[in-house]
Amino acid sequence: MTEQQYHDEYASDTGPFSIVPEWVTTSTLSHGAVRLYALLARYADYSTGEAWPSRATLALRLRMSTDSIDRLSKELQDLGAVEVIRRHDGSRWKSNLYIVKRVPPPGVSSGRTDTATPSRSDTAEAGRTSAATPSRIDAAGTRASEQEPTERDKTPSVSETVTQVFNLWLEETGKKSGRTMLDTKRAARIKWALNNYELDDVLDAVRGWKRSPFHAGQNEHGKVYNDLTLLLRNSDRLEYFRDCWRTGVDTQTKVPETWHRLREMMGEEDGR
């Protein structure tokens, strides 16, 4: 069966969908991991099972952090439901390659029983009419050839993405949502960051202060510097905090005093 024949035969009038095997739904996976499997299956190529949506896209679609995506992805890998391959083009990391498994791995029950499913042909015939089936929108969006959500999929607006970044910052800093507001100044920095960087970069920058000894409080004042406008002040700061998160800087290491003095000479006292 060709790809187009598959689309014509199985495309849903209700929009893109995915099928989750029973061996996945009845496994010991958490609810979040099953949801992640379903979303990856929605993106996966029908023949190869391959998909490569970014971690940020998965996080946005499932309304969770990229850390949660990593944790749930580990669950799927441990079960053998998904294979994850990290990709690098020689200069930067690209989105992961996910290979969705539809057949249960050895040792995992398929969930099949000897009881046949009752035929629904009579019911289907009774419900049919002579009216022509409405034309379907091309379902190519469910395949690996189009990984990111299309306009048809109602991609979250910029304001929703700004809110996601702000909420992650609240979570990472322990600030209270009722007392810390998304004012125009913070919103402007987030929008600037999203206009110039991938969502993954911005999210990692927001949490990167935790792995910068100076900003995590290991400075002469013992003060933590993690204001959102500092983390996303400019390209230099955003890339610094992003790389801190990704390279796993040891926050137990004290920053040399010469570094503090250099910052003061550059007019960047106390990390501000």
C-alpha atoms as a PDB file:
ATOM      1  CA  MET A   1       0.000   0.000   0.000  1.00  0.00           C
ATOM      2  CA  THR A   2       1.405   3.383  -0.977  1.00  0.00           C
ATOM      3  CA  GLU A   3       1.472   6.350   1.377  1.00  0.00           C
ATOM      4  CA  GLN A   4      -1.299   8.099  -0.545  1.00  0.00           C
ATOM      5  CA  GLN A   5      -3.455   4.949  -0.542  1.00  0.00           C
ATOM      6  CA  TYR A   6      -2.956   4.739   3.218  1.00  0.00           C
ATOM      7  CA  HIS A   7      -4.086   8.355   3.590  1.00  0.00           C
ATOM      8  CA  ASP A   8      -7.151   7.805   1.399  1.00  0.00           C
ATOM      9  CA  GLU A   9      -8.085   4.630   3.253  1.00  0.00           C
ATOM     10  CA  TYR A  10      -7.465   5.620   6.836  1.00  0.00           C
ATOM     11  CA  ALA A  11      -7.509   9.424   7.058  1.00  0.00           C
ATOM     12  CA  SER A  12      -9.923  10.518   9.753  1.00  0.00           C
ATOM     13  CA  ASP A  13     -12.692  13.034   9.151  1.00  0.00           C
ATOM     14  CA  THR A  14     -12.076  14.229  12.712  1.00  0.00           C
ATOM     15  CA  GLY A  15      -8.471  15.228  11.992  1.00  0.00           C
ATOM     16  CA  PRO A  16      -5.060  13.696  12.744  1.00  0.00           C
ATOM     17  CA  PHE A  17      -5.042  10.764  15.145  1.00  0.00           C
ATOM     18  CA  SER A  18      -2.776   7.981  16.345  1.00  0.00           C
ATOM     19  CA  ILE A  19      -3.299   4.361  17.376  1.00  0.00           C
ATOM     20  CA  VAL A  20      -1.895   3.125  20.674  1.00  0.00           C
ATOM     21  CA  PRO A  21      -1.419  -0.675  20.877  1.00  0.00           C
ATOM     22  CA  GLU A  22      -3.016  -2.476  23.797  1.00  0.00           C
ATOM     23  CA  TRP A  23       0.372  -3.733  25.005  1.00  0.00           C
ATOM     24  CA  VAL A  24       1.273  -0.087  25.603  1.00  0.00           C
ATOM     25  CA  THR A  25      -1.949   0.962  27.341  1.00  0.00           C
ATOM     26  CA  THR A  26      -1.958  -2.101  29.643  1.00  0.00           C
ATOM     27  CA  SER A  27       1.722  -1.858  30.506  1.00  0.00           C
ATOM     28  CA  THR A  28       3.247  -0.377  33.653  1.00  0.00           C
ATOM     29  CA  LEU A  29       3.855   2.944  31.881  1.00  0.00           C
ATOM     30  CA  SER A  30       2.641   6.108  33.580  1.00  0.00           C
ATOM     31  CA  HIS A  31      -0.273   8.013  32.060  1.00  0.00           C
ATOM     32  CA  GLY A  32       2.137  10.685  30.852  1.00  0.00           C
ATOM     33  CA  ALA A  33       4.310   8.136  29.062  1.00  0.00           C
ATOM     34  CA  VAL A  34       1.276   6.704  27.254  1.00  0.00           C
ATOM     35  CA  ARG A  35       0.314  10.221  26.144  1.00  0.00           C
ATOM     36  CA  LEU A  36       3.849  10.809  24.885  1.00  0.00           C
ATOM     37  CA  TYR A  37       3.751   7.521  22.956  1.00  0.00           C
ATOM     38  CA  ALA A  38       0.449   8.584  21.367  1.00  0.00           C
ATOM     39  CA  LEU A  39       1.877  11.948  20.308  1.00  0.00           C
ATOM     40  CA  LEU A  40       5.038  10.388  18.889  1.00  0.00           C
ATOM     41  CA  ALA A  41       2.894   7.863  17.016  1.00  0.00           C
ATOM     42  CA  ARG A  42       0.931  10.779  15.567  1.00  0.00           C
ATOM     43  CA  TYR A  43       4.161  12.177  14.105  1.00  0.00           C
ATOM     44  CA  ALA A  44       5.730   8.836  13.126  1.00  0.00           C
ATOM     45  CA  ASP A  45       6.129   7.617   9.568  1.00  0.00           C
ATOM     46  CA  TYR A  46       3.749   4.712   8.976  1.00  0.00           C
ATOM     47  CA  SER A  47       6.367   2.476   7.369  1.00  0.00           C
ATOM     48  CA  THR A  48       9.465   3.192   9.469  1.00  0.00           C
ATOM     49  CA  GLY A  49       8.014   4.471  12.747  1.00  0.00           C
ATOM     50  CA  GLU A  50      10.485   7.366  12.600  1.00  0.00           C
ATOM     51  CA  ALA A  51       9.686  10.856  13.874  1.00  0.00           C
ATOM     52  CA  TRP A  52      11.784  13.823  14.910  1.00  0.00           C
ATOM     53  CA  PRO A  53       9.668  16.499  16.620  1.00  0.00           C
ATOM     54  CA  SER A  54      11.705  18.682  18.980  1.00  0.00           C
ATOM     55  CA  ARG A  55      11.510  18.231  22.745  1.00  0.00           C
ATOM     56  CA  ALA A  56      10.046  21.731  22.939  1.00  0.00           C
ATOM     57  CA  THR A  57       7.279  20.817  20.497  1.00  0.00           C
ATOM     58  CA  LEU A  58       6.399  17.701  22.476  1.00  0.00           C
ATOM     59  CA  ALA A  59       6.438  19.691  25.727  1.00  0.00           C
ATOM     60  CA  LEU A  60       4.201  22.368  24.246  1.00  0.00           C
ATOM     61  CA  ARG A  61       1.701  19.891  22.821  1.00  0.00           C
ATOM     62  CA  LEU A  62       1.476  17.911  26.081  1.00  0.00           C
ATOM     63  CA  ARG A  63       1.603  21.018  28.307  1.00  0.00           C
ATOM     64  CA  MET A  64       4.606  19.924  30.335  1.00  0.00           C
ATOM     65  CA  SER A  65       8.305  20.768  30.677  1.00  0.00           C
ATOM     66  CA  THR A  66      11.086  19.357  28.508  1.00  0.00           C
ATOM     67  CA  ASP A  67      12.451  17.683  31.647  1.00  0.00           C
ATOM     68  CA  SER A  68       9.174  15.761  31.913  1.00  0.00           C
ATOM     69  CA  ILE A  69       9.468  14.790  28.243  1.00  0.00           C
ATOM     70  CA  ASP A  70      12.953  13.392  28.943  1.00  0.00           C
ATOM     71  CA  ARG A  71      11.691  11.432  31.959  1.00  0.00           C
ATOM     72  CA  LEU A  72       8.693   9.985  30.114  1.00  0.00           C
ATOM     73  CA  SER A  73      10.865   9.199  27.103  1.00  0.00           C
ATOM     74  CA  LYS A  74      13.106   7.156  29.404  1.00  0.00           C
ATOM     75  CA  GLU A  75      10.041   5.145  30.508  1.00  0.00           C
ATOM     76  CA  LEU A  76       9.188   4.356  26.889  1.00  0.00           C
ATOM     77  CA  GLN A  77      12.763   3.340  26.142  1.00  0.00           C
ATOM     78  CA  ASP A  78      12.918   1.071  29.190  1.00  0.00           C
ATOM     79  CA  LEU A  79       9.775  -0.739  28.020  1.00  0.00           C
ATOM     80  CA  GLY A  80      11.046  -0.986  24.455  1.00  0.00           C
ATOM     81  CA  ALA A  81       8.144   1.048  23.077  1.00  0.00           C
ATOM     82  CA  VAL A  82      10.356   3.774  21.608  1.00  0.00           C
ATOM     83  CA  GLU A  83      13.977   3.987  20.514  1.00  0.00           C
ATOM     84  CA  VAL A  84      15.640   7.392  20.863  1.00  0.00           C
ATOM     85  CA  ILE A  85      18.679   8.408  18.803  1.00  0.00           C
ATOM     86  CA  ARG A  86      20.430  11.725  19.496  1.00  0.00           C
ATOM     87  CA  ARG A  87      21.437  13.591  16.330  1.00  0.00           C
ATOM     88  CA  HIS A  88      24.300  16.017  15.756  1.00  0.00           C
ATOM     89  CA  ASP A  89      25.181  17.732  12.487  1.00  0.00           C
ATOM     90  CA  GLY A  90      28.775  18.477  13.445  1.00  0.00           C
ATOM     91  CA  SER A  91      28.137  21.948  14.855  1.00  0.00           C
ATOM     92  CA  ARG A  92      25.003  21.667  16.964  1.00  0.00           C
ATOM     93  CA  TRP A  93      22.551  19.168  18.364  1.00  0.00           C
ATOM     94  CA  LYS A  94      19.410  18.548  16.337  1.00  0.00           C
ATOM     95  CA  SER A  95      16.085  17.169  17.528  1.00  0.00           C
ATOM     96  CA  ASN A  96      16.091  13.533  18.613  1.00  0.00           C
ATOM     97  CA  LEU A  97      15.128  10.785  16.199  1.00  0.00           C
ATOM     98  CA  TYR A  98      12.341   8.698  17.723  1.00  0.00           C
ATOM     99  CA  ILE A  99      11.528   5.231  16.376  1.00  0.00           C
ATOM    100  CA  VAL A 100       8.068   4.202  17.553  1.00  0.00           C
ATOM    101  CA  LYS A 101       7.607   0.451  18.035  1.00  0.00           C
ATOM    102  CA  ARG A 102       4.192  -0.956  17.170  1.00  0.00           C
ATOM    103  CA  VAL A 103       5.062  -4.599  17.873  1.00  0.00           C
ATOM    104  CA  PRO A 104       5.701  -5.519  21.520  1.00  0.00           C
ATOM    105  CA  PRO A 105       9.323  -6.336  22.400  1.00  0.00           C
ATOM    106  CA  PRO A 106      10.259  -9.836  23.666  1.00  0.00           C
ATOM    107  CA  GLY A 107       8.801 -10.513  27.085  1.00  0.00           C
ATOM    108  CA  VAL A 108       5.924  -8.028  26.732  1.00  0.00           C
ATOM    109  CA  SER A 109       2.461  -9.465  26.174  1.00  0.00           C
ATOM    110  CA  SER A 110       0.680  -8.280  23.034  1.00  0.00           C
ATOM    111  CA  GLY A 111      -2.637  -8.141  24.894  1.00  0.00           C
ATOM    112  CA  ARG A 112      -4.343 -10.417  22.377  1.00  0.00           C
ATOM    113  CA  THR A 113      -7.027 -12.874  23.407  1.00  0.00           C
ATOM    114  CA  ASP A 114      -8.668 -15.802  21.633  1.00  0.00           C
ATOM    115  CA  THR A 115     -12.031 -14.051  21.669  1.00  0.00           C
ATOM    116  CA  ALA A 116     -12.917 -12.586  18.298  1.00  0.00           C
ATOM    117  CA  THR A 117     -14.222  -9.054  18.107  1.00  0.00           C
ATOM    118  CA  PRO A 118     -17.921  -9.074  17.076  1.00  0.00           C
ATOM    119  CA  SER A 119     -18.527  -8.096  13.470  1.00  0.00           C
ATOM    120  CA  ARG A 120     -19.877  -4.607  12.941  1.00  0.00           C
ATOM    121  CA  SER A 121     -20.591  -4.963   9.243  1.00  0.00           C
ATOM    122  CA  ASP A 122     -24.355  -5.024   9.725  1.00  0.00           C
ATOM    123  CA  THR A 123     -24.261  -1.935  11.878  1.00  0.00           C
ATOM    124  CA  ALA A 124     -22.005  -0.202   9.405  1.00  0.00           C
ATOM    125  CA  GLU A 125     -24.334  -1.034   6.477  1.00  0.00           C
ATOM    126  CA  ALA A 126     -27.359   0.239   8.370  1.00  0.00           C
ATOM    127  CA  GLY A 127     -25.701   3.518   9.087  1.00  0.00           C
ATOM    128  CA  ARG A 128     -24.559   4.212   5.548  1.00  0.00           C
ATOM    129  CA  THR A 129     -26.324   6.666   3.260  1.00  0.00           C
ATOM    130  CA  SER A 130     -26.047   7.420  -0.409  1.00  0.00           C
ATOM    131  CA  ALA A 131     -24.527  10.827   0.342  1.00  0.00           C
ATOM    132  CA  ALA A 132     -20.993  11.285  -0.874  1.00  0.00           C
ATOM    133  CA  THR A 133     -18.266  11.249   1.728  1.00  0.00           C
ATOM    134  CA  PRO A 134     -16.936  14.773   2.275  1.00  0.00           C
ATOM    135  CA  SER A 135     -13.455  15.305   0.883  1.00  0.00           C
ATOM    136  CA  ARG A 136     -10.729  14.955   3.479  1.00  0.00           C
ATOM    137  CA  ILE A 137      -7.850  17.296   4.095  1.00  0.00           C
ATOM    138  CA  ASP A 138      -4.611  15.596   3.138  1.00  0.00           C
ATOM    139  CA  ALA A 139      -3.414  13.672   6.186  1.00  0.00           C
ATOM    140  CA  ALA A 140       0.285  14.106   5.451  1.00  0.00           C
ATOM    141  CA  GLY A 141       0.592  16.015   8.715  1.00  0.00           C
ATOM    142  CA  THR A 142       0.468  12.716  10.599  1.00  0.00           C
ATOM    143  CA  ARG A 143       3.575  11.417   8.887  1.00  0.00           C
ATOM    144  CA  ALA A 144       7.235  12.085   9.485  1.00  0.00           C
ATOM    145  CA  SER A 145       7.391  14.238   6.358  1.00  0.00           C
ATOM    146  CA  GLU A 146       5.812  17.074   8.347  1.00  0.00           C
ATOM    147  CA  GLN A 147       7.007  17.027  11.915  1.00  0.00           C
ATOM    148  CA  GLU A 148       5.844  20.332  13.312  1.00  0.00           C
ATOM    149  CA  PRO A 149       2.139  21.123  13.819  1.00  0.00           C
ATOM    150  CA  THR A 150       0.480  22.792  10.855  1.00  0.00           C
ATOM    151  CA  GLU A 151      -1.985  25.651  10.985  1.00  0.00           C
ATOM    152  CA  ARG A 152      -4.714  23.041  10.765  1.00  0.00           C
ATOM    153  CA  ASP A 153      -3.450  21.560  14.030  1.00  0.00           C
ATOM    154  CA  LYS A 154      -4.020  24.869  15.833  1.00  0.00           C
ATOM    155  CA  THR A 155      -0.411  25.519  16.770  1.00  0.00           C
ATOM    156  CA  PRO A 156      -0.305  27.413  20.087  1.00  0.00           C
ATOM    157  CA  SER A 157      -0.082  31.159  19.611  1.00  0.00           C
ATOM    158  CA  VAL A 158       2.918  33.271  20.561  1.00  0.00           C
ATOM    159  CA  SER A 159       1.128  34.368  23.731  1.00  0.00           C
ATOM    160  CA  GLU A 160       0.742  30.729  24.801  1.00  0.00           C
ATOM    161  CA  THR A 161       4.428  30.108  24.194  1.00  0.00           C
ATOM    162  CA  VAL A 162       5.338  33.222  26.190  1.00  0.00           C
ATOM    163  CA  THR A 163       3.198  31.922  29.038  1.00  0.00           C
ATOM    164  CA  GLN A 164       4.931  28.532  28.857  1.00  0.00           C
ATOM    165  CA  VAL A 165       8.352  30.161  29.223  1.00  0.00           C
ATOM    166  CA  PHE A 166       7.122  32.355  32.098  1.00  0.00           C
ATOM    167  CA  ASN A 167       5.537  29.400  33.913  1.00  0.00           C
ATOM    168  CA  LEU A 168       8.741  27.382  33.610  1.00  0.00           C
ATOM    169  CA  TRP A 169      10.689  30.310  35.095  1.00  0.00           C
ATOM    170  CA  LEU A 170       8.242  30.423  38.017  1.00  0.00           C
ATOM    171  CA  GLU A 171       8.689  26.673  38.514  1.00  0.00           C
ATOM    172  CA  GLU A 172      12.488  26.797  38.336  1.00  0.00           C
ATOM    173  CA  THR A 173      12.815  29.784  40.684  1.00  0.00           C
ATOM    174  CA  GLY A 174      10.127  28.725  43.150  1.00  0.00           C
ATOM    175  CA  LYS A 175       8.274  32.013  42.762  1.00  0.00           C
ATOM    176  CA  LYS A 176       4.532  32.172  43.445  1.00  0.00           C
ATOM    177  CA  SER A 177       2.335  32.720  40.408  1.00  0.00           C
ATOM    178  CA  GLY A 178      -0.120  34.815  42.411  1.00  0.00           C
ATOM    179  CA  ARG A 179       2.581  37.234  43.539  1.00  0.00           C
ATOM    180  CA  THR A 180       4.845  37.314  40.466  1.00  0.00           C
ATOM    181  CA  MET A 181       3.283  38.808  37.372  1.00  0.00           C
ATOM    182  CA  LEU A 182       4.010  38.488  33.679  1.00  0.00           C
ATOM    183  CA  ASP A 183       4.399  42.230  33.169  1.00  0.00           C
ATOM    184  CA  THR A 184       5.189  44.001  29.906  1.00  0.00           C
ATOM    185  CA  LYS A 185       8.923  44.068  30.602  1.00  0.00           C
ATOM    186  CA  ARG A 186       9.177  40.310  31.172  1.00  0.00           C
ATOM    187  CA  ALA A 187       6.852  39.546  28.268  1.00  0.00           C
ATOM    188  CA  ALA A 188       8.967  41.724  25.966  1.00  0.00           C
ATOM    189  CA  ARG A 189      12.172  39.841  26.859  1.00  0.00           C
ATOM    190  CA  ILE A 190      10.492  36.480  26.283  1.00  0.00           C
ATOM    191  CA  LYS A 191       9.116  37.597  22.902  1.00  0.00           C
ATOM    192  CA  TRP A 192      12.535  38.885  21.878  1.00  0.00           C
ATOM    193  CA  ALA A 193      14.114  35.559  22.855  1.00  0.00           C
ATOM    194  CA  LEU A 194      11.495  33.526  20.957  1.00  0.00           C
ATOM    195  CA  ASN A 195      11.923  35.704  17.875  1.00  0.00           C
ATOM    196  CA  ASN A 196      15.657  35.014  17.796  1.00  0.00           C
ATOM    197  CA  TYR A 197      16.043  31.511  19.242  1.00  0.00           C
ATOM    198  CA  GLU A 198      14.348  28.119  19.226  1.00  0.00           C
ATOM    199  CA  LEU A 199      11.943  27.426  22.070  1.00  0.00           C
ATOM    200  CA  ASP A 200      14.301  24.732  23.394  1.00  0.00           C
ATOM    201  CA  ASP A 201      17.076  27.335  23.695  1.00  0.00           C
ATOM    202  CA  VAL A 202      14.868  29.739  25.630  1.00  0.00           C
ATOM    203  CA  LEU A 203      13.558  27.079  28.003  1.00  0.00           C
ATOM    204  CA  ASP A 204      17.058  25.823  28.764  1.00  0.00           C
ATOM    205  CA  ALA A 205      18.287  29.390  29.331  1.00  0.00           C
ATOM    206  CA  VAL A 206      15.500  30.012  31.829  1.00  0.00           C
ATOM    207  CA  ARG A 207      16.677  27.103  33.981  1.00  0.00           C
ATOM    208  CA  GLY A 208      20.404  27.532  33.281  1.00  0.00           C
ATOM    209  CA  TRP A 209      21.081  29.850  36.244  1.00  0.00           C
ATOM    210  CA  LYS A 210      20.938  26.768  38.486  1.00  0.00           C
ATOM    211  CA  ARG A 211      24.181  25.537  36.919  1.00  0.00           C
ATOM    212  CA  SER A 212      25.970  28.874  36.995  1.00  0.00           C
ATOM    213  CA  PRO A 213      27.761  28.991  40.380  1.00  0.00           C
ATOM    214  CA  PHE A 214      27.773  32.781  40.552  1.00  0.00           C
ATOM    215  CA  HIS A 215      24.076  33.168  39.760  1.00  0.00           C
ATOM    216  CA  ALA A 216      23.065  30.206  41.934  1.00  0.00           C
ATOM    217  CA  GLY A 217      24.342  32.104  44.985  1.00  0.00           C
ATOM    218  CA  GLN A 218      28.017  31.195  45.177  1.00  0.00           C
ATOM    219  CA  ASN A 219      29.196  34.800  45.174  1.00  0.00           C
ATOM    220  CA  GLU A 220      30.560  37.207  47.748  1.00  0.00           C
ATOM    221  CA  HIS A 221      27.064  38.399  48.632  1.00  0.00           C
ATOM    222  CA  GLY A 222      25.512  34.917  48.816  1.00  0.00           C
ATOM    223  CA  LYS A 223      22.696  36.217  46.627  1.00  0.00           C
ATOM    224  CA  VAL A 224      20.856  34.360  43.875  1.00  0.00           C
ATOM    225  CA  TYR A 225      20.499  36.189  40.570  1.00  0.00           C
ATOM    226  CA  ASN A 226      17.758  34.605  38.479  1.00  0.00           C
ATOM    227  CA  ASP A 227      15.461  37.382  37.356  1.00  0.00           C
ATOM    228  CA  LEU A 228      13.885  36.625  33.999  1.00  0.00           C
ATOM    229  CA  THR A 229      15.053  39.908  32.466  1.00  0.00           C
ATOM    230  CA  LEU A 230      18.637  39.013  33.434  1.00  0.00           C
ATOM    231  CA  LEU A 231      18.482  35.496  32.005  1.00  0.00           C
ATOM    232  CA  LEU A 232      17.100  36.782  28.694  1.00  0.00           C
ATOM    233  CA  ARG A 233      18.754  40.217  28.671  1.00  0.00           C
ATOM    234  CA  ASN A 234      20.640  39.729  25.402  1.00  0.00           C
ATOM    235  CA  SER A 235      22.179  37.063  23.184  1.00  0.00           C
ATOM    236  CA  ASP A 236      25.295  36.780  25.333  1.00  0.00           C
ATOM    237  CA  ARG A 237      23.308  36.105  28.495  1.00  0.00           C
ATOM    238  CA  LEU A 238      20.773  33.773  26.896  1.00  0.00           C
ATOM    239  CA  GLU A 239      23.472  31.641  25.269  1.00  0.00           C
ATOM    240  CA  TYR A 240      25.523  31.584  28.468  1.00  0.00           C
ATOM    241  CA  PHE A 241      22.641  30.298  30.612  1.00  0.00           C
ATOM    242  CA  ARG A 242      21.494  27.899  27.883  1.00  0.00           C
ATOM    243  CA  ASP A 243      24.965  26.385  27.668  1.00  0.00           C
ATOM    244  CA  CYS A 244      25.245  26.233  31.468  1.00  0.00           C
ATOM    245  CA  TRP A 245      22.185  24.015  31.528  1.00  0.00           C
ATOM    246  CA  ARG A 246      23.287  21.802  28.669  1.00  0.00           C
ATOM    247  CA  THR A 247      26.892  21.314  29.744  1.00  0.00           C
ATOM    248  CA  GLY A 248      26.008  20.546  33.356  1.00  0.00           C
ATOM    249  CA  VAL A 249      28.247  23.009  35.187  1.00  0.00           C
ATOM    250  CA  ASP A 250      28.979  21.934  38.775  1.00  0.00           C
ATOM    251  CA  THR A 251      27.201  24.446  41.029  1.00  0.00           C
ATOM    252  CA  GLN A 252      29.328  23.313  43.979  1.00  0.00           C
ATOM    253  CA  THR A 253      32.420  24.915  42.467  1.00  0.00           C
ATOM    254  CA  LYS A 254      33.204  28.370  43.802  1.00  0.00           C
ATOM    255  CA  VAL A 255      33.757  31.109  41.246  1.00  0.00           C
ATOM    256  CA  PRO A 256      37.246  32.715  41.476  1.00  0.00           C
ATOM    257  CA  GLU A 257      37.359  36.225  42.909  1.00  0.00           C
ATOM    258  CA  THR A 258      39.187  37.402  39.773  1.00  0.00           C
ATOM    259  CA  TRP A 259      36.019  36.636  37.833  1.00  0.00           C
ATOM    260  CA  HIS A 260      33.981  38.904  40.122  1.00  0.00           C
ATOM    261  CA  ARG A 261      36.487  41.715  39.717  1.00  0.00           C
ATOM    262  CA  LEU A 262      36.474  41.322  35.956  1.00  0.00           C
ATOM    263  CA  ARG A 263      32.677  41.651  35.933  1.00  0.00           C
ATOM    264  CA  GLU A 264      32.911  44.800  38.054  1.00  0.00           C
ATOM    265  CA  MET A 265      35.438  46.294  35.631  1.00  0.00           C
ATOM    266  CA  MET A 266      33.004  45.576  32.798  1.00  0.00           C
ATOM    267  CA  GLY A 267      30.185  47.318  34.653  1.00  0.00           C
ATOM    268  CA  GLU A 268      28.311  44.118  35.390  1.00  0.00           C
ATOM    269  CA  GLU A 269      28.413  44.255  39.164  1.00  0.00           C
ATOM    270  CA  ASP A 270      26.653  41.539  41.124  1.00  0.00           C
ATOM    271  CA  GLY A 271      25.562  39.832  37.919  1.00  0.00           C
ATOM    272  CA  ARG A 272      23.043  42.544  37.109  1.00  0.00           C
END
